[in-house]
């Protein structure tokens, strides 16, 4: 099932998501999230982006062909805990399915260590770097109630205010279904 993507301005995107009770059957939801993300041509999708305030996100970087090691980067993160972010911050132009048609440079640390459960409730503790780390950081922010625009300068935020307002009203062209909080 393909969910509509929740747009900027919806309160669910600003809440710290709740842990999922261990052992809960999330198989169908995880499948739906991958299907939704692929239909929208995304590389990551967090549960709040489909209106569910739970600590779950999926990533699939296999479409990023110019980045080595991404071809098999497909994972599910359940109840993740960011242990540390390390290294020199680097800028990269990010976008977000909940903020369509806006891309801005965001500075993030180059490496991270994260503890999480997979869709079968198996525990993992792993380190990631480069683009993998960036995708995880972006999606992790979603379950913490943060969005990439929060990293922008006050001037940049003011310049985007009209576009962000239009997005929250559903006045945006996308190739995927959306759920806009202020749509009339």
Protein backbone atom coordinates (compact mmCIF):
# COMPACT_ATOMS: atom_id res chain seq x y z
CA UNK A 1 0.00 0.00 0.00
CA UNK A 2 1.34 3.38 -0.97
CA UNK A 3 0.72 6.06 1.66
CA UNK A 4 0.40 9.77 0.92
CA UNK A 5 3.44 11.73 2.13
CA UNK A 6 2.73 14.18 4.96
CA UNK A 7 3.79 17.71 4.00
CA UNK A 8 5.74 20.36 5.90
CA UNK A 9 3.60 22.09 8.52
CA UNK A 10 1.89 18.95 9.82
CA UNK A 11 2.42 18.64 13.61
CA UNK A 12 3.35 14.93 13.31
CA UNK A 13 6.62 16.02 11.68
CA UNK A 14 7.55 18.06 14.76
CA UNK A 15 6.88 15.44 17.45
CA UNK A 16 9.51 13.17 18.95
CA UNK A 17 8.24 9.78 17.81
CA UNK A 18 7.42 6.99 20.29
CA UNK A 19 9.24 3.67 20.58
CA UNK A 20 7.55 0.65 19.01
CA UNK A 21 6.79 -2.11 21.48
CA UNK A 22 9.23 -4.99 20.98
CA UNK A 23 7.77 -7.91 19.10
CA UNK A 24 5.08 -5.85 17.32
CA UNK A 25 4.48 -7.19 13.81
CA UNK A 26 5.68 -4.39 11.55
CA UNK A 27 6.27 -6.52 8.44
CA UNK A 28 3.39 -5.03 6.41
CA UNK A 29 4.18 -1.46 7.51
CA UNK A 30 7.86 -1.83 6.56
CA UNK A 31 6.85 -3.20 3.15
CA UNK A 32 4.40 -0.31 2.67
CA UNK A 33 7.09 2.22 3.66
CA UNK A 34 9.55 0.85 1.09
CA UNK A 35 6.78 0.85 -1.54
CA UNK A 36 5.81 4.43 -0.65
CA UNK A 37 9.43 5.62 -0.67
CA UNK A 38 10.18 3.98 -4.03
CA UNK A 39 6.98 5.37 -5.59
CA UNK A 40 8.13 8.86 -4.56
CA UNK A 41 11.73 8.25 -5.75
CA UNK A 42 13.14 8.74 -2.26
CA UNK A 43 16.20 7.21 -0.60
CA UNK A 44 14.77 7.33 2.91
CA UNK A 45 11.39 7.53 4.61
CA UNK A 46 10.53 7.94 8.28
CA UNK A 47 7.21 6.83 9.78
CA UNK A 48 6.19 10.43 10.71
CA UNK A 49 6.26 11.21 6.98
CA UNK A 50 3.31 8.85 6.52
CA UNK A 51 1.54 10.22 9.61
CA UNK A 52 2.77 7.63 12.14
CA UNK A 53 4.62 9.03 15.15
CA UNK A 54 6.73 5.93 15.78
CA UNK A 55 10.51 5.40 15.78
CA UNK A 56 10.89 3.66 12.45
CA UNK A 57 12.60 4.59 9.21
CA UNK A 58 13.70 2.81 6.05
CA UNK A 59 16.56 3.63 3.69
CA UNK A 60 17.51 2.43 0.22
CA UNK A 61 20.52 4.14 -1.32
CA UNK A 62 20.82 1.70 -4.22
CA UNK A 63 19.57 4.38 -6.65
CA UNK A 64 22.59 6.58 -5.88
CA UNK A 65 24.84 5.22 -8.60
CA UNK A 66 27.76 7.67 -8.34
CA UNK A 67 28.48 6.74 -4.71
CA UNK A 68 30.48 3.51 -4.12
CA UNK A 69 28.98 0.98 -1.70
CA UNK A 70 25.40 2.21 -2.03
CA UNK A 71 24.16 -0.63 -4.24
CA UNK A 72 23.33 -2.81 -1.22
CA UNK A 73 22.44 -0.08 1.27
CA UNK A 74 18.85 -1.06 2.07
CA UNK A 75 17.94 -1.17 5.77
CA UNK A 76 15.17 -0.86 8.33
CA UNK A 77 15.81 1.04 11.57
CA UNK A 78 13.46 0.34 14.49
CA UNK A 79 13.78 2.29 17.77
CA UNK A 80 17.23 3.62 16.78
CA UNK A 81 19.51 5.44 19.20
CA UNK A 82 22.23 7.69 17.79
CA UNK A 83 25.33 6.89 19.83
CA UNK A 84 27.70 9.45 18.32
CA UNK A 85 28.33 11.63 15.30
CA UNK A 86 31.99 12.14 14.45
CA UNK A 87 34.33 13.77 12.00
CA UNK A 88 34.44 16.95 10.01
CA UNK A 89 31.08 18.44 9.01
CA UNK A 90 30.50 18.51 5.25
CA UNK A 91 27.91 20.32 3.17
CA UNK A 92 25.59 18.57 0.78
CA UNK A 93 22.41 19.69 -0.93
CA UNK A 94 19.54 17.79 0.71
CA UNK A 95 15.90 17.45 -0.21
CA UNK A 96 12.96 15.85 1.55
CA UNK A 97 9.78 14.13 0.38
CA UNK A 98 7.86 16.23 2.95
CA UNK A 99 9.36 19.44 1.52
CA UNK A 100 9.17 18.82 -2.24
CA UNK A 101 11.04 20.90 -4.80
CA UNK A 102 13.31 22.56 -2.24
CA UNK A 103 16.96 21.57 -1.95
CA UNK A 104 19.45 23.31 0.32
CA UNK A 105 22.98 22.73 1.58
CA UNK A 106 23.05 21.14 5.03
CA UNK A 107 26.21 20.55 7.06
CA UNK A 108 26.42 17.16 8.82
CA UNK A 109 29.24 15.21 10.45
CA UNK A 110 30.82 12.59 8.20
CA UNK A 111 30.48 9.50 10.45
CA UNK A 112 28.08 8.07 13.00
CA UNK A 113 27.51 5.12 15.30
CA UNK A 114 23.93 3.98 15.80
CA UNK A 115 22.16 1.25 17.76
CA UNK A 116 18.90 -0.09 16.33
CA UNK A 117 16.68 -3.10 15.82
CA UNK A 118 15.84 -4.49 12.40
CA UNK A 119 12.35 -5.50 11.24
CA UNK A 120 12.82 -8.92 12.87
CA UNK A 121 13.73 -7.34 16.24
CA UNK A 122 17.41 -8.32 15.96
CA UNK A 123 19.72 -5.78 17.66
CA UNK A 124 22.51 -4.04 15.72
CA UNK A 125 25.19 -1.49 16.52
CA UNK A 126 26.93 -0.16 13.43
CA UNK A 127 29.03 2.69 12.11
CA UNK A 128 28.32 4.45 8.83
CA UNK A 129 30.09 7.21 6.95
CA UNK A 130 29.66 9.48 3.95
CA UNK A 131 26.35 9.36 2.12
CA UNK A 132 25.06 6.45 4.22
CA UNK A 133 25.62 8.50 7.39
CA UNK A 134 23.91 11.53 5.84
CA UNK A 135 20.79 9.57 4.84
CA UNK A 136 20.56 8.03 8.32
CA UNK A 137 21.06 11.43 10.01
CA UNK A 138 18.31 12.97 7.86
CA UNK A 139 15.82 10.18 8.65
CA UNK A 140 16.82 10.06 12.31
CA UNK A 141 16.05 13.78 12.52
CA UNK A 142 12.49 13.00 11.38
CA UNK A 143 11.83 10.69 14.33
CA UNK A 144 13.27 13.39 16.61
CA UNK A 145 10.87 16.02 15.21
CA UNK A 146 13.52 17.86 13.18
CA UNK A 147 13.67 18.70 9.49
CA UNK A 148 16.54 19.71 7.23
CA UNK A 149 15.27 23.31 7.00
CA UNK A 150 16.00 23.65 10.74
CA UNK A 151 19.72 23.72 9.84
CA UNK A 152 19.37 26.72 7.53
CA UNK A 153 20.31 30.29 8.40
CA UNK A 154 17.51 32.65 9.51
CA UNK A 155 17.89 34.54 6.21
CA UNK A 156 17.55 31.37 4.14
CA UNK A 157 14.47 30.35 6.18
CA UNK A 158 12.88 33.76 5.53
CA UNK A 159 13.56 33.42 1.81
CA UNK A 160 11.84 30.02 1.78
CA UNK A 161 8.88 31.06 3.95
CA UNK A 162 6.47 31.54 1.03
CA UNK A 163 7.40 28.23 -0.61
CA UNK A 164 7.08 26.38 2.71
CA UNK A 165 3.69 27.99 3.29
CA UNK A 166 2.52 26.87 -0.16
CA UNK A 167 3.72 23.32 0.54
CA UNK A 168 1.73 23.17 3.78
CA UNK A 169 -1.34 24.31 1.81
CA UNK A 170 -0.80 21.61 -0.82
CA UNK A 171 0.17 24.14 -3.51
CA UNK A 172 3.05 22.08 -4.83
CA UNK A 173 3.63 19.79 -7.79
CA UNK A 174 4.74 16.26 -6.93
CA UNK A 175 4.63 12.94 -8.70
CA UNK A 176 3.31 11.31 -5.51
CA UNK A 177 0.23 11.69 -3.33
CA UNK A 178 0.51 14.18 -0.51
CA UNK A 179 -1.33 15.03 2.68
CA UNK A 180 -1.10 18.78 3.27
CA UNK A 181 -2.08 20.04 6.73
CA UNK A 182 -3.57 23.36 5.59
CA UNK A 183 -5.14 22.23 2.33
CA UNK A 184 -8.65 23.69 1.95
